[in-house]
C-alpha cells in the first residue's frame, strides 16, 4: 500500500508500459511494449561516449566499446538476458520499487531530513554484459548513516539451478593493474582464432584476475559507467566508477514475470475488451506485483545478511591480498545494506497483520520456486562455503 505522505512522482518516464499510443494516426508505426520501454530506458541509461575525456581517457572507453562489439559479433555469443522481453521487465521492476515503495522507506525514514528515496538506474550495456548487473539502486537514510550507498541488482526468471549457481559465482574485480596489457580493455582482450570451417575470426577472452584490482569475493561487483540520469538537480552519486557494491540476485516465477511484463492494463484495454476483462487483468497485475515484491524482500534481506556475515568473518588469510580501501568499503556497505533490507522486511511482515492481500503474497513468496532457488544458493555461497574462502581469494 502506498504511503499517503509520499510525494507523487512527476517523472514522465513512469508511464504504463502497456499503454497504447493514442496518437497512432500521427505515427507511421505503432510501437510495441518492448520498443516503447527501450526508448524510455535509453533516456535513463548511461552512454559510455559521454565519459570520454570527462571521466576516462578516450582510448580507455574505445577499448571497452570495441571489445563489446567483437563479443556481440562472435559466434559463441549468447545474449545475457533470459527473456525476449527482459528490458520490459527491468523497467517495470524499476517503476514498482520506486513508485510503490517496496522497501517502506517513507514509513521508516520519511521524517529524517537526510533521507533520500531510493533510485534505480539501468546499467550501461557494458556493465550489463561484463559485470552481470541489470540495475543499480542507491539508498540514503539512517540505515546507511546518511551516506549514498549503491547496490547492484541482477534480475532473473531462470529456474535452472546451475545457471543460478553461476550468477553467484562471479567475483568482484575492477579496472586494470599496472601489469595489464596496455592495448586491452579492462574487461578482456581480443584474440584471433578459427571457426569450425577453419576461417579466421575474432573473439574475446577475459582479462586475467591478476591483471585487475578487486577483492575476488562473490557477492560484490563494480560498475564502470554509472550515471544518475533521472533529471535531478543533484545526482545521487557521482558519475563514473563504483568500485565496489553488494550484488543481489532477484527473481520470481516466470508466470509472475509474464504478467508484469505487460504492465498495468490501460483504459484503452477497457474500451476495447470491456470492463470485466480489464478489471481481471488489473487484479492479476496487482497480485503479481505483490508476489514479486515479497520475493524481492526475502531475497534481498537474506542475501544482504549472509553477505554481511561472510565479510565480517573474513580472516587475515582471506584478506591479505586485498587493498585496505576495498576491504573497508566491503564491510561498511555490507553492514548498511544488511540493516536496510532486513529493517524493510521486518516492517513489511508486521504490516501483514492488517492486510490479508499482503499476507497472501508473503505466504506465496515463501514457496516461489525461483525465490527458493536463489535463497538456497545464497546460503550455499556465502555461509556454507565460508571455509573455502582461502582458496577463492588466492
Foldseek 3Di string as FASTA:
>chain_A
DADPPDDADPQPLLDFLQDWDPVVVVDPDTDHSLRSLVVSLVLQEFDLVVCDPVPDPPLLSVQLVVQVVQAVPDPPRDPPAPDPLVSLLLSLVQSCCQRVVLLCCCVVFVVPPLWDGKHKTAYHVSCCVQFVFGIKIWTAGVLLPSATAIATEHEDQDLDLVVLLVLQQDFEWDDFDPPFDPSHHQQWHKDWDADPVRDIGIHTDGTDRVGTAHLLAGQKYKGAADDGSSPDPDTSDDGGIDRIHGYFYAYFHVVLSVLSSSGQDDPVCCVVPNDVVNVVSNVSNVLSSLLSSLLRLVRQLLLLVLQLVLLVPDDCLSPVPHDPVNSVSSNSNSSSSNVSSVVSVVVLVVVCVPPVSNVVSNVVSVVTSVSVSSSVSSCVRRPVCSVVSSVSRD
